[in-house]
Amino acid sequence: MGDNIRYAVQIGAVDEEGASDAKMYDEAIVDAAYAQELGYSSVWMVEHHFSDYYPTPNPLMFLSHLAAACPGLGLGTAVMVLPWYDPLRFAEDVAMLRTLAKGRLDIGMGRGTAKLEYDAMRVPMASRFVVRADLVSDNSAYVLETNAATARQDLLILRDVTDTAPGGGRDQFFA
């Protein structure tokens, strides 16, 4: 594939009706390896809970498995539904995945639209979830806001897990 253009493909836990989750996950791993063999730069996954529609309740866990199974393959989420996560834990999980992954990591974040999933998570759909992280080069400014609380810098330890991205450039994450 071209040097300036990257191609990605969405993989997922899909198969014929009645297929086990284990079979669907195994096939998604095969799909990722095949995409890498074909020259795709990355694979992306969706997040869904409590249904047979792309049953992937933990995309970050699945992507960490793919990072080991397909070294160098870029990974992405489309999307992580932020209202269902504790923001600090989410940031740590993403930073850890970035450290383990040898390829590019793209994290799509969104609000989600499935009432069934919101109800099962016991999170009102009307909830607002705002995360704002203001980080300057010396880490002197840090603010994390959610609908429930604000964490102050002196309560948190920020670890810079900045890395040089494959193909140049810099990825910067703090956990």
C-alpha atoms as a PDB file:
ATOM      1  CA  MET A   1       0.000   0.000   0.000  1.00  0.00           C
ATOM      2  CA  GLY A   2       1.128   3.607  -0.539  1.00  0.00           C
ATOM      3  CA  ASP A   3       3.656   5.277   1.707  1.00  0.00           C
ATOM      4  CA  ASN A   4       1.463   8.304   2.423  1.00  0.00           C
ATOM      5  CA  ILE A   5      -1.877   6.568   2.689  1.00  0.00           C
ATOM      6  CA  ARG A   6      -2.808   4.193   5.490  1.00  0.00           C
ATOM      7  CA  TYR A   7      -5.643   1.720   5.171  1.00  0.00           C
ATOM      8  CA  ALA A   8      -7.495   0.167   8.067  1.00  0.00           C
ATOM      9  CA  VAL A   9     -10.232  -2.396   8.402  1.00  0.00           C
ATOM     10  CA  GLN A  10     -12.786  -3.000  11.115  1.00  0.00           C
ATOM     11  CA  ILE A  11     -12.742  -6.458  12.583  1.00  0.00           C
ATOM     12  CA  GLY A  12     -15.237  -7.848  15.011  1.00  0.00           C
ATOM     13  CA  ALA A  13     -16.803 -10.765  16.733  1.00  0.00           C
ATOM     14  CA  VAL A  14     -19.254 -11.728  13.996  1.00  0.00           C
ATOM     15  CA  ASP A  15     -20.357 -15.064  12.600  1.00  0.00           C
ATOM     16  CA  GLU A  16     -23.453 -17.061  11.879  1.00  0.00           C
ATOM     17  CA  GLU A  17     -26.248 -16.978  14.419  1.00  0.00           C
ATOM     18  CA  GLY A  18     -25.528 -19.169  17.425  1.00  0.00           C
ATOM     19  CA  ALA A  19     -21.737 -19.090  17.082  1.00  0.00           C
ATOM     20  CA  SER A  20     -19.907 -19.004  20.412  1.00  0.00           C
ATOM     21  CA  ASP A  21     -18.050 -15.905  21.546  1.00  0.00           C
ATOM     22  CA  ALA A  22     -14.839 -17.975  21.615  1.00  0.00           C
ATOM     23  CA  LYS A  23     -15.260 -18.910  17.944  1.00  0.00           C
ATOM     24  CA  MET A  24     -16.012 -15.310  16.972  1.00  0.00           C
ATOM     25  CA  TYR A  25     -13.000 -13.981  18.894  1.00  0.00           C
ATOM     26  CA  ASP A  26     -10.725 -16.609  17.320  1.00  0.00           C
ATOM     27  CA  GLU A  27     -11.945 -15.618  13.863  1.00  0.00           C
ATOM     28  CA  ALA A  28     -11.408 -11.917  14.620  1.00  0.00           C
ATOM     29  CA  ILE A  29      -7.783 -12.708  15.504  1.00  0.00           C
ATOM     30  CA  VAL A  30      -7.393 -14.580  12.195  1.00  0.00           C
ATOM     31  CA  ASP A  31      -8.966 -11.587  10.407  1.00  0.00           C
ATOM     32  CA  ALA A  32      -6.462  -9.218  12.063  1.00  0.00           C
ATOM     33  CA  ALA A  33      -3.504 -11.376  11.046  1.00  0.00           C
ATOM     34  CA  TYR A  34      -4.844 -11.582   7.499  1.00  0.00           C
ATOM     35  CA  ALA A  35      -5.346  -7.805   7.352  1.00  0.00           C
ATOM     36  CA  GLN A  36      -1.739  -7.340   8.454  1.00  0.00           C
ATOM     37  CA  GLU A  37      -0.552  -9.862   5.835  1.00  0.00           C
ATOM     38  CA  LEU A  38      -2.473  -7.941   3.159  1.00  0.00           C
ATOM     39  CA  GLY A  39      -0.738  -4.704   4.137  1.00  0.00           C
ATOM     40  CA  TYR A  40      -3.439  -2.924   6.105  1.00  0.00           C
ATOM     41  CA  SER A  41      -1.866  -0.562   8.603  1.00  0.00           C
ATOM     42  CA  SER A  42      -4.390  -1.119  11.377  1.00  0.00           C
ATOM     43  CA  VAL A  43      -7.519  -2.876  12.561  1.00  0.00           C
ATOM     44  CA  TRP A  44     -10.301  -1.244  14.529  1.00  0.00           C
ATOM     45  CA  MET A  45     -12.896  -2.660  16.917  1.00  0.00           C
ATOM     46  CA  VAL A  46     -16.244  -1.509  18.253  1.00  0.00           C
ATOM     47  CA  GLU A  47     -17.553  -1.795  21.814  1.00  0.00           C
ATOM     48  CA  HIS A  48     -20.884  -3.510  22.474  1.00  0.00           C
ATOM     49  CA  HIS A  49     -22.372  -5.170  25.524  1.00  0.00           C
ATOM     50  CA  PHE A  50     -25.178  -7.623  26.329  1.00  0.00           C
ATOM     51  CA  SER A  51     -26.193  -8.537  22.786  1.00  0.00           C
ATOM     52  CA  ASP A  52     -25.151 -10.661  19.826  1.00  0.00           C
ATOM     53  CA  TYR A  53     -24.344  -7.522  17.846  1.00  0.00           C
ATOM     54  CA  TYR A  54     -20.527  -7.407  17.785  1.00  0.00           C
ATOM     55  CA  PRO A  55     -20.189  -8.746  21.340  1.00  0.00           C
ATOM     56  CA  THR A  56     -16.965  -7.004  22.354  1.00  0.00           C
ATOM     57  CA  PRO A  57     -17.405  -5.759  25.924  1.00  0.00           C
ATOM     58  CA  ASN A  58     -13.726  -4.922  26.381  1.00  0.00           C
ATOM     59  CA  PRO A  59     -12.044  -3.700  23.192  1.00  0.00           C
ATOM     60  CA  LEU A  60      -8.879  -2.624  25.016  1.00  0.00           C
ATOM     61  CA  MET A  61      -8.379  -6.144  26.365  1.00  0.00           C
ATOM     62  CA  PHE A  62      -8.954  -7.635  22.933  1.00  0.00           C
ATOM     63  CA  LEU A  63      -6.581  -5.138  21.340  1.00  0.00           C
ATOM     64  CA  SER A  64      -3.884  -5.983  23.887  1.00  0.00           C
ATOM     65  CA  HIS A  65      -4.195  -9.604  22.769  1.00  0.00           C
ATOM     66  CA  LEU A  66      -3.914  -8.475  19.141  1.00  0.00           C
ATOM     67  CA  ALA A  67      -0.837  -6.402  20.014  1.00  0.00           C
ATOM     68  CA  ALA A  68       0.877  -9.636  21.041  1.00  0.00           C
ATOM     69  CA  ALA A  69      -0.561 -11.739  18.220  1.00  0.00           C
ATOM     70  CA  CYS A  70       0.187  -9.211  15.449  1.00  0.00           C
ATOM     71  CA  PRO A  71       3.232  -7.112  16.458  1.00  0.00           C
ATOM     72  CA  GLY A  72       3.478  -3.846  14.555  1.00  0.00           C
ATOM     73  CA  LEU A  73      -0.171  -3.819  13.489  1.00  0.00           C
ATOM     74  CA  GLY A  74      -1.924  -0.546  14.290  1.00  0.00           C
ATOM     75  CA  LEU A  75      -4.932  -0.776  16.588  1.00  0.00           C
ATOM     76  CA  GLY A  76      -8.007   1.387  16.995  1.00  0.00           C
ATOM     77  CA  THR A  77     -11.367   1.672  18.725  1.00  0.00           C
ATOM     78  CA  ALA A  78     -14.545   2.959  17.149  1.00  0.00           C
ATOM     79  CA  VAL A  79     -15.622   3.947  19.812  1.00  0.00           C
ATOM     80  CA  MET A  80     -15.021   3.496  23.522  1.00  0.00           C
ATOM     81  CA  VAL A  81     -18.216   4.628  25.238  1.00  0.00           C
ATOM     82  CA  LEU A  82     -16.810   6.952  27.899  1.00  0.00           C
ATOM     83  CA  PRO A  83     -19.840   7.285  30.211  1.00  0.00           C
ATOM     84  CA  TRP A  84     -19.294   3.652  31.251  1.00  0.00           C
ATOM     85  CA  TYR A  85     -15.718   4.157  32.471  1.00  0.00           C
ATOM     86  CA  ASP A  86     -13.955   5.702  35.395  1.00  0.00           C
ATOM     87  CA  PRO A  87     -11.796   8.334  33.668  1.00  0.00           C
ATOM     88  CA  LEU A  88      -8.590   7.660  35.587  1.00  0.00           C
ATOM     89  CA  ARG A  89      -8.819   3.907  35.075  1.00  0.00           C
ATOM     90  CA  PHE A  90      -9.578   4.453  31.397  1.00  0.00           C
ATOM     91  CA  ALA A  91      -6.496   6.660  30.982  1.00  0.00           C
ATOM     92  CA  GLU A  92      -4.317   4.067  32.692  1.00  0.00           C
ATOM     93  CA  ASP A  93      -5.692   1.239  30.544  1.00  0.00           C
ATOM     94  CA  VAL A  94      -5.053   3.189  27.330  1.00  0.00           C
ATOM     95  CA  ALA A  95      -1.538   4.130  28.457  1.00  0.00           C
ATOM     96  CA  MET A  96      -0.760   0.499  29.252  1.00  0.00           C
ATOM     97  CA  LEU A  97      -2.065  -0.664  25.868  1.00  0.00           C
ATOM     98  CA  ARG A  98       0.036   2.012  24.155  1.00  0.00           C
ATOM     99  CA  THR A  99       3.082   0.725  25.976  1.00  0.00           C
ATOM    100  CA  LEU A 100       2.380  -2.877  24.907  1.00  0.00           C
ATOM    101  CA  ALA A 101       1.426  -2.109  21.303  1.00  0.00           C
ATOM    102  CA  LYS A 102       4.247  -1.918  18.784  1.00  0.00           C
ATOM    103  CA  GLY A 103       2.105  -0.186  16.167  1.00  0.00           C
ATOM    104  CA  ARG A 104      -0.008   2.942  16.006  1.00  0.00           C
ATOM    105  CA  LEU A 105      -2.839   3.262  18.538  1.00  0.00           C
ATOM    106  CA  ASP A 106      -5.974   5.303  17.803  1.00  0.00           C
ATOM    107  CA  ILE A 107      -8.623   5.587  20.491  1.00  0.00           C
ATOM    108  CA  GLY A 108     -12.014   6.743  19.290  1.00  0.00           C
ATOM    109  CA  MET A 109     -14.199   7.984  22.142  1.00  0.00           C
ATOM    110  CA  GLY A 110     -17.891   8.645  22.126  1.00  0.00           C
ATOM    111  CA  ARG A 111     -21.149   8.606  24.054  1.00  0.00           C
ATOM    112  CA  GLY A 112     -22.884   5.573  22.560  1.00  0.00           C
ATOM    113  CA  THR A 113     -26.522   5.314  21.542  1.00  0.00           C
ATOM    114  CA  ALA A 114     -27.855   1.925  22.694  1.00  0.00           C
ATOM    115  CA  LYS A 115     -30.389   2.315  25.494  1.00  0.00           C
ATOM    116  CA  LEU A 116     -30.166  -1.406  26.279  1.00  0.00           C
ATOM    117  CA  GLU A 117     -26.462  -1.026  27.041  1.00  0.00           C
ATOM    118  CA  TYR A 118     -26.935   2.116  29.130  1.00  0.00           C
ATOM    119  CA  ASP A 119     -29.677   0.440  31.140  1.00  0.00           C
ATOM    120  CA  ALA A 120     -27.535  -2.646  31.738  1.00  0.00           C
ATOM    121  CA  MET A 121     -24.596  -0.473  32.830  1.00  0.00           C
ATOM    122  CA  ARG A 122     -26.936   1.395  35.181  1.00  0.00           C
ATOM    123  CA  VAL A 123     -25.888   4.703  33.656  1.00  0.00           C
ATOM    124  CA  PRO A 124     -28.583   7.186  32.609  1.00  0.00           C
ATOM    125  CA  MET A 125     -28.408   8.009  28.908  1.00  0.00           C
ATOM    126  CA  ALA A 126     -28.853  11.663  29.766  1.00  0.00           C
ATOM    127  CA  SER A 127     -25.641  11.627  31.791  1.00  0.00           C
ATOM    128  CA  ARG A 128     -22.874  13.924  30.766  1.00  0.00           C
ATOM    129  CA  PHE A 129     -19.297  12.803  30.933  1.00  0.00           C
ATOM    130  CA  VAL A 130     -16.645  15.428  30.464  1.00  0.00           C
ATOM    131  CA  VAL A 131     -12.977  14.675  30.692  1.00  0.00           C
ATOM    132  CA  ARG A 132     -10.595  17.538  30.273  1.00  0.00           C
ATOM    133  CA  ALA A 133      -6.921  16.963  30.815  1.00  0.00           C
ATOM    134  CA  ASP A 134      -4.755  20.055  30.617  1.00  0.00           C
ATOM    135  CA  LEU A 135      -1.157  18.925  30.584  1.00  0.00           C
ATOM    136  CA  VAL A 136       1.740  21.225  29.921  1.00  0.00           C
ATOM    137  CA  SER A 137       5.292  20.116  29.157  1.00  0.00           C
ATOM    138  CA  ASP A 138       6.354  20.064  32.801  1.00  0.00           C
ATOM    139  CA  ASN A 139       3.106  18.425  33.986  1.00  0.00           C
ATOM    140  CA  SER A 140       2.466  21.412  36.220  1.00  0.00           C
ATOM    141  CA  ALA A 141      -1.155  21.760  35.207  1.00  0.00           C
ATOM    142  CA  TYR A 142      -3.522  18.841  35.444  1.00  0.00           C
ATOM    143  CA  VAL A 143      -7.271  18.940  35.708  1.00  0.00           C
ATOM    144  CA  LEU A 144      -9.583  16.000  35.409  1.00  0.00           C
ATOM    145  CA  GLU A 145     -13.292  16.664  35.481  1.00  0.00           C
ATOM    146  CA  THR A 146     -16.190  14.256  35.484  1.00  0.00           C
ATOM    147  CA  ASN A 147     -19.830  14.722  36.273  1.00  0.00           C
ATOM    148  CA  ALA A 148     -19.057  13.617  39.828  1.00  0.00           C
ATOM    149  CA  ALA A 149     -15.789  15.166  40.934  1.00  0.00           C
ATOM    150  CA  THR A 150     -12.651  17.074  40.111  1.00  0.00           C
ATOM    151  CA  ALA A 151      -9.299  15.491  40.875  1.00  0.00           C
ATOM    152  CA  ARG A 152      -6.506  17.857  41.840  1.00  0.00           C
ATOM    153  CA  GLN A 153      -2.958  17.526  40.595  1.00  0.00           C
ATOM    154  CA  ASP A 154      -1.568  16.932  44.072  1.00  0.00           C
ATOM    155  CA  LEU A 155      -3.771  13.838  44.416  1.00  0.00           C
ATOM    156  CA  LEU A 156      -2.440  12.205  41.261  1.00  0.00           C
ATOM    157  CA  ILE A 157       0.885  10.949  40.064  1.00  0.00           C
ATOM    158  CA  LEU A 158       1.314  11.462  36.337  1.00  0.00           C
ATOM    159  CA  ARG A 159       3.733   9.207  34.517  1.00  0.00           C
ATOM    160  CA  ASP A 160       4.729  10.267  31.025  1.00  0.00           C
ATOM    161  CA  VAL A 161       4.695   7.192  28.789  1.00  0.00           C
ATOM    162  CA  THR A 162       5.546   9.150  25.669  1.00  0.00           C
ATOM    163  CA  ASP A 163       6.904   7.006  22.893  1.00  0.00           C
ATOM    164  CA  THR A 164       8.141   7.467  19.379  1.00  0.00           C
ATOM    165  CA  ALA A 165       5.377   6.281  17.104  1.00  0.00           C
ATOM    166  CA  PRO A 166       6.218   3.727  14.417  1.00  0.00           C
ATOM    167  CA  GLY A 167       7.076   5.607  11.244  1.00  0.00           C
ATOM    168  CA  GLY A 168       8.136   8.696  13.186  1.00  0.00           C
ATOM    169  CA  GLY A 169       6.117  11.207  15.118  1.00  0.00           C
ATOM    170  CA  ARG A 170       5.340  11.140  18.804  1.00  0.00           C
ATOM    171  CA  ASP A 171       2.473   9.685  20.789  1.00  0.00           C
ATOM    172  CA  GLN A 172       2.008  11.183  24.227  1.00  0.00           C
ATOM    173  CA  PHE A 173      -0.055   9.672  26.992  1.00  0.00           C
ATOM    174  CA  PHE A 174      -0.147  10.274  30.696  1.00  0.00           C
ATOM    175  CA  ALA A 175      -1.363   7.821  33.306  1.00  0.00           C
END
